Amino acid sequence: METWYYEVVNIEGDYANLKRTDISSDDLKLVARALLPPEIAEGSRLKYELMQYELMGE
């Protein structure tokens, strides 16, 4: 089981751009907001594990 960590860079309508924070990468991942926790905002930190995104405590 792998775990990835992301930060919400920006939200564009029904999509959010996520940046990996557990590795050094400038690539962004475009994800439908329907797959993300509803309370996300720009700057939110997420954990992706078992095909689900979970909001991490700030």
PDB file of N, CA and C in Angstrom:
ATOM      1  N   MET A   1       0.844  -1.175   0.000  1.00  0.00           N
ATOM      2  CA  MET A   1       0.000   0.000   0.000  1.00  0.00           C
ATOM      3  C   MET A   1       0.892   1.242   0.000  1.00  0.00           C
ATOM      4  N   GLU A   2       0.663   2.107  -0.979  1.00  0.00           N
ATOM      5  CA  GLU A   2       1.439   3.332  -1.069  1.00  0.00           C
ATOM      6  C   GLU A   2       0.600   4.520  -0.621  1.00  0.00           C
ATOM      7  N   THR A   3       1.297   5.527  -0.111  1.00  0.00           N
ATOM      8  CA  THR A   3       0.649   6.748   0.345  1.00  0.00           C
ATOM      9  C   THR A   3       1.349   7.932  -0.307  1.00  0.00           C
ATOM     10  N   TRP A   4       0.564   8.869  -0.846  1.00  0.00           N
ATOM     11  CA  TRP A   4       1.108  10.073  -1.439  1.00  0.00           C
ATOM     12  C   TRP A   4       0.517  11.275  -0.712  1.00  0.00           C
ATOM     13  N   TYR A   5       1.276  12.363  -0.678  1.00  0.00           N
ATOM     14  CA  TYR A   5       0.833  13.593  -0.023  1.00  0.00           C
ATOM     15  C   TYR A   5       0.804  14.726  -1.044  1.00  0.00           C
ATOM     16  N   TYR A   6      -0.249  15.530  -0.963  1.00  0.00           N
ATOM     17  CA  TYR A   6      -0.463  16.611  -1.919  1.00  0.00           C
ATOM     18  C   TYR A   6      -0.842  17.902  -1.187  1.00  0.00           C
ATOM     19  N   GLU A   7      -0.656  19.011  -1.911  1.00  0.00           N
ATOM     20  CA  GLU A   7      -1.169  20.303  -1.468  1.00  0.00           C
ATOM     21  C   GLU A   7      -2.043  20.843  -2.591  1.00  0.00           C
ATOM     22  N   VAL A   8      -3.180  21.434  -2.236  1.00  0.00           N
ATOM     23  CA  VAL A   8      -4.064  22.029  -3.229  1.00  0.00           C
ATOM     24  C   VAL A   8      -3.449  23.364  -3.646  1.00  0.00           C
ATOM     25  N   VAL A   9      -3.048  23.456  -4.910  1.00  0.00           N
ATOM     26  CA  VAL A   9      -2.421  24.671  -5.421  1.00  0.00           C
ATOM     27  C   VAL A   9      -3.478  25.698  -5.794  1.00  0.00           C
ATOM     28  N   ASN A  10      -4.477  25.246  -6.552  1.00  0.00           N
ATOM     29  CA  ASN A  10      -5.586  26.140  -6.883  1.00  0.00           C
ATOM     30  C   ASN A  10      -6.810  25.324  -7.251  1.00  0.00           C
ATOM     31  N   ILE A  11      -7.949  25.983  -7.212  1.00  0.00           N
ATOM     32  CA  ILE A  11      -9.226  25.349  -7.535  1.00  0.00           C
ATOM     33  C   ILE A  11      -9.812  26.105  -8.719  1.00  0.00           C
ATOM     34  N   GLU A  12     -10.154  25.345  -9.764  1.00  0.00           N
ATOM     35  CA  GLU A  12     -10.706  25.933 -10.987  1.00  0.00           C
ATOM     36  C   GLU A  12     -12.042  25.263 -11.280  1.00  0.00           C
ATOM     37  N   GLY A  13     -13.129  25.829 -10.785  1.00  0.00           N
ATOM     38  CA  GLY A  13     -14.448  25.254 -11.021  1.00  0.00           C
ATOM     39  C   GLY A  13     -14.590  23.879 -10.391  1.00  0.00           C
ATOM     40  N   ASP A  14     -14.804  22.871 -11.219  1.00  0.00           N
ATOM     41  CA  ASP A  14     -15.023  21.508 -10.734  1.00  0.00           C
ATOM     42  C   ASP A  14     -13.728  20.718 -10.581  1.00  0.00           C
ATOM     43  N   TYR A  15     -12.592  21.379 -10.732  1.00  0.00           N
ATOM     44  CA  TYR A  15     -11.300  20.695 -10.666  1.00  0.00           C
ATOM     45  C   TYR A  15     -10.343  21.420  -9.727  1.00  0.00           C
ATOM     46  N   ALA A  16      -9.381  20.670  -9.216  1.00  0.00           N
ATOM     47  CA  ALA A  16      -8.335  21.246  -8.366  1.00  0.00           C
ATOM     48  C   ALA A  16      -6.980  20.757  -8.868  1.00  0.00           C
ATOM     49  N   ASN A  17      -6.000  21.637  -8.846  1.00  0.00           N
ATOM     50  CA  ASN A  17      -4.628  21.271  -9.175  1.00  0.00           C
ATOM     51  C   ASN A  17      -3.902  20.912  -7.887  1.00  0.00           C
ATOM     52  N   LEU A  18      -3.329  19.707  -7.861  1.00  0.00           N
ATOM     53  CA  LEU A  18      -2.613  19.223  -6.687  1.00  0.00           C
ATOM     54  C   LEU A  18      -1.136  19.085  -6.999  1.00  0.00           C
ATOM     55  N   LYS A  19      -0.299  19.397  -6.007  1.00  0.00           N
ATOM     56  CA  LYS A  19       1.152  19.262  -6.135  1.00  0.00           C
ATOM     57  C   LYS A  19       1.638  18.269  -5.099  1.00  0.00           C
ATOM     58  N   ARG A  20       2.436  17.282  -5.530  1.00  0.00           N
ATOM     59  CA  ARG A  20       3.003  16.301  -4.593  1.00  0.00           C
ATOM     60  C   ARG A  20       3.944  17.015  -3.635  1.00  0.00           C
ATOM     61  N   THR A  21       3.848  16.660  -2.370  1.00  0.00           N
ATOM     62  CA  THR A  21       4.729  17.264  -1.361  1.00  0.00           C
ATOM     63  C   THR A  21       5.677  16.246  -0.750  1.00  0.00           C
ATOM     64  N   ASP A  22       5.476  14.961  -1.037  1.00  0.00           N
ATOM     65  CA  ASP A  22       6.345  13.936  -0.456  1.00  0.00           C
ATOM     66  C   ASP A  22       7.555  13.641  -1.342  1.00  0.00           C
ATOM     67  N   ILE A  23       7.567  14.198  -2.553  1.00  0.00           N
ATOM     68  CA  ILE A  23       8.718  14.087  -3.440  1.00  0.00           C
ATOM     69  C   ILE A  23       8.977  15.460  -4.054  1.00  0.00           C
ATOM     70  N   SER A  24      10.149  15.632  -4.617  1.00  0.00           N
ATOM     71  CA  SER A  24      10.477  16.882  -5.281  1.00  0.00           C
ATOM     72  C   SER A  24       9.945  16.836  -6.712  1.00  0.00           C
ATOM     73  N   SER A  25       8.883  17.593  -6.979  1.00  0.00           N
ATOM     74  CA  SER A  25       8.279  17.613  -8.303  1.00  0.00           C
ATOM     75  C   SER A  25       7.525  18.920  -8.492  1.00  0.00           C
ATOM     76  N   ASP A  26       7.631  19.475  -9.706  1.00  0.00           N
ATOM     77  CA  ASP A  26       6.884  20.689 -10.042  1.00  0.00           C
ATOM     78  C   ASP A  26       5.620  20.363 -10.824  1.00  0.00           C
ATOM     79  N   ASP A  27       5.391  19.069 -11.099  1.00  0.00           N
ATOM     80  CA  ASP A  27       4.212  18.658 -11.851  1.00  0.00           C
ATOM     81  C   ASP A  27       2.945  18.835 -11.024  1.00  0.00           C
ATOM     82  N   LEU A  28       1.873  19.221 -11.700  1.00  0.00           N
ATOM     83  CA  LEU A  28       0.574  19.351 -11.056  1.00  0.00           C
ATOM     84  C   LEU A  28      -0.340  18.243 -11.556  1.00  0.00           C
ATOM     85  N   LYS A  29      -1.222  17.798 -10.692  1.00  0.00           N
ATOM     86  CA  LYS A  29      -2.195  16.753 -11.029  1.00  0.00           C
ATOM     87  C   LYS A  29      -3.581  17.387 -10.976  1.00  0.00           C
ATOM     88  N   LEU A  30      -4.314  17.311 -12.072  1.00  0.00           N
ATOM     89  CA  LEU A  30      -5.665  17.857 -12.149  1.00  0.00           C
ATOM     90  C   LEU A  30      -6.642  16.781 -11.689  1.00  0.00           C
ATOM     91  N   VAL A  31      -7.416  17.078 -10.637  1.00  0.00           N
ATOM     92  CA  VAL A  31      -8.322  16.099 -10.039  1.00  0.00           C
ATOM     93  C   VAL A  31      -9.719  16.716  -9.936  1.00  0.00           C
ATOM     94  N   ALA A  32     -10.724  15.927 -10.274  1.00  0.00           N
ATOM     95  CA  ALA A  32     -12.112  16.385 -10.148  1.00  0.00           C
ATOM     96  C   ALA A  32     -12.438  16.600  -8.670  1.00  0.00           C
ATOM     97  N   ARG A  33     -13.089  17.698  -8.370  1.00  0.00           N
ATOM     98  CA  ARG A  33     -13.428  18.012  -6.979  1.00  0.00           C
ATOM     99  C   ARG A  33     -14.361  16.979  -6.372  1.00  0.00           C
ATOM    100  N   ALA A  34     -15.120  16.270  -7.197  1.00  0.00           N
ATOM    101  CA  ALA A  34     -16.013  15.229  -6.687  1.00  0.00           C
ATOM    102  C   ALA A  34     -15.230  14.114  -6.001  1.00  0.00           C
ATOM    103  N   LEU A  35     -13.948  13.955  -6.327  1.00  0.00           N
ATOM    104  CA  LEU A  35     -13.107  12.924  -5.717  1.00  0.00           C
ATOM    105  C   LEU A  35     -12.403  13.410  -4.454  1.00  0.00           C
ATOM    106  N   LEU A  36     -12.519  14.702  -4.170  1.00  0.00           N
ATOM    107  CA  LEU A  36     -11.809  15.317  -3.038  1.00  0.00           C
ATOM    108  C   LEU A  36     -12.776  15.648  -1.908  1.00  0.00           C
ATOM    109  N   PRO A  37     -12.255  15.779  -0.684  1.00  0.00           N
ATOM    110  CA  PRO A  37     -13.130  16.193   0.422  1.00  0.00           C
ATOM    111  C   PRO A  37     -13.770  17.554   0.104  1.00  0.00           C
ATOM    112  N   PRO A  38     -15.051  17.738   0.420  1.00  0.00           N
ATOM    113  CA  PRO A  38     -15.755  18.979   0.045  1.00  0.00           C
ATOM    114  C   PRO A  38     -15.207  20.238   0.715  1.00  0.00           C
ATOM    115  N   GLU A  39     -14.534  20.105   1.849  1.00  0.00           N
ATOM    116  CA  GLU A  39     -14.074  21.287   2.579  1.00  0.00           C
ATOM    117  C   GLU A  39     -12.682  21.762   2.184  1.00  0.00           C
ATOM    118  N   ILE A  40     -12.130  21.265   1.065  1.00  0.00           N
ATOM    119  CA  ILE A  40     -10.793  21.700   0.667  1.00  0.00           C
ATOM    120  C   ILE A  40     -10.790  23.168   0.274  1.00  0.00           C
ATOM    121  N   ALA A  41      -9.628  23.779   0.387  1.00  0.00           N
ATOM    122  CA  ALA A  41      -9.385  25.148  -0.055  1.00  0.00           C
ATOM    123  C   ALA A  41      -7.958  25.198  -0.571  1.00  0.00           C
ATOM    124  N   GLU A  42      -7.613  26.274  -1.245  1.00  0.00           N
ATOM    125  CA  GLU A  42      -6.234  26.418  -1.695  1.00  0.00           C
ATOM    126  C   GLU A  42      -5.312  26.377  -0.485  1.00  0.00           C
ATOM    127  N   GLY A  43      -4.259  25.572  -0.585  1.00  0.00           N
ATOM    128  CA  GLY A  43      -3.331  25.407   0.527  1.00  0.00           C
ATOM    129  C   GLY A  43      -3.631  24.203   1.408  1.00  0.00           C
ATOM    130  N   SER A  44      -4.788  23.570   1.223  1.00  0.00           N
ATOM    131  CA  SER A  44      -5.115  22.377   2.014  1.00  0.00           C
ATOM    132  C   SER A  44      -4.124  21.262   1.709  1.00  0.00           C
ATOM    133  N   ARG A  45      -3.838  20.466   2.730  1.00  0.00           N
ATOM    134  CA  ARG A  45      -2.942  19.320   2.573  1.00  0.00           C
ATOM    135  C   ARG A  45      -3.784  18.049   2.563  1.00  0.00           C
ATOM    136  N   LEU A  46      -3.458  17.158   1.619  1.00  0.00           N
ATOM    137  CA  LEU A  46      -4.225  15.933   1.439  1.00  0.00           C
ATOM    138  C   LEU A  46      -3.317  14.714   1.492  1.00  0.00           C
ATOM    139  N   LYS A  47      -3.892  13.616   1.940  1.00  0.00           N
ATOM    140  CA  LYS A  47      -3.218  12.322   1.887  1.00  0.00           C
ATOM    141  C   LYS A  47      -4.023  11.448   0.940  1.00  0.00           C
ATOM    142  N   TYR A  48      -3.329  10.767   0.017  1.00  0.00           N
ATOM    143  CA  TYR A  48      -3.973   9.861  -0.925  1.00  0.00           C
ATOM    144  C   TYR A  48      -3.518   8.445  -0.598  1.00  0.00           C
ATOM    145  N   GLU A  49      -4.499   7.621  -0.233  1.00  0.00           N
ATOM    146  CA  GLU A  49      -4.204   6.255   0.170  1.00  0.00           C
ATOM    147  C   GLU A  49      -5.441   5.410  -0.114  1.00  0.00           C
ATOM    148  N   LEU A  50      -5.243   4.206  -0.596  1.00  0.00           N
ATOM    149  CA  LEU A  50      -6.343   3.293  -0.913  1.00  0.00           C
ATOM    150  C   LEU A  50      -7.377   3.952  -1.840  1.00  0.00           C
ATOM    151  N   MET A  51      -6.867   4.679  -2.825  1.00  0.00           N
ATOM    152  CA  MET A  51      -7.692   5.334  -3.848  1.00  0.00           C
ATOM    153  C   MET A  51      -8.656   6.374  -3.278  1.00  0.00           C
ATOM    154  N   GLN A  52      -8.312   6.980  -2.127  1.00  0.00           N
ATOM    155  CA  GLN A  52      -9.145   8.023  -1.533  1.00  0.00           C
ATOM    156  C   GLN A  52      -8.257   9.177  -1.048  1.00  0.00           C
ATOM    157  N   TYR A  53      -8.795  10.381  -1.195  1.00  0.00           N
ATOM    158  CA  TYR A  53      -8.126  11.579  -0.695  1.00  0.00           C
ATOM    159  C   TYR A  53      -8.698  11.913   0.677  1.00  0.00           C
ATOM    160  N   GLU A  54      -7.817  12.235   1.619  1.00  0.00           N
ATOM    161  CA  GLU A  54      -8.230  12.574   2.971  1.00  0.00           C
ATOM    162  C   GLU A  54      -7.576  13.906   3.362  1.00  0.00           C
ATOM    163  N   LEU A  55      -8.367  14.806   3.915  1.00  0.00           N
ATOM    164  CA  LEU A  55      -7.866  16.096   4.374  1.00  0.00           C
ATOM    165  C   LEU A  55      -7.035  15.890   5.619  1.00  0.00           C
ATOM    166  N   MET A  56      -5.831  16.441   5.611  1.00  0.00           N
ATOM    167  CA  MET A  56      -4.956  16.309   6.786  1.00  0.00           C
ATOM    168  C   MET A  56      -5.150  17.513   7.690  1.00  0.00           C
ATOM    169  N   GLY A  57      -4.984  17.317   8.992  1.00  0.00           N
ATOM    170  CA  GLY A  57      -5.100  18.413   9.940  1.00  0.00           C
ATOM    171  C   GLY A  57      -4.087  19.497   9.669  1.00  0.00           C
ATOM    172  N   GLU A  58      -4.502  20.711   9.783  1.00  0.00           N
ATOM    173  CA  GLU A  58      -3.616  21.857   9.517  1.00  0.00           C
ATOM    174  C   GLU A  58      -2.775  22.162  10.724  1.00  0.00           C
TER     175      GLU A  58
END
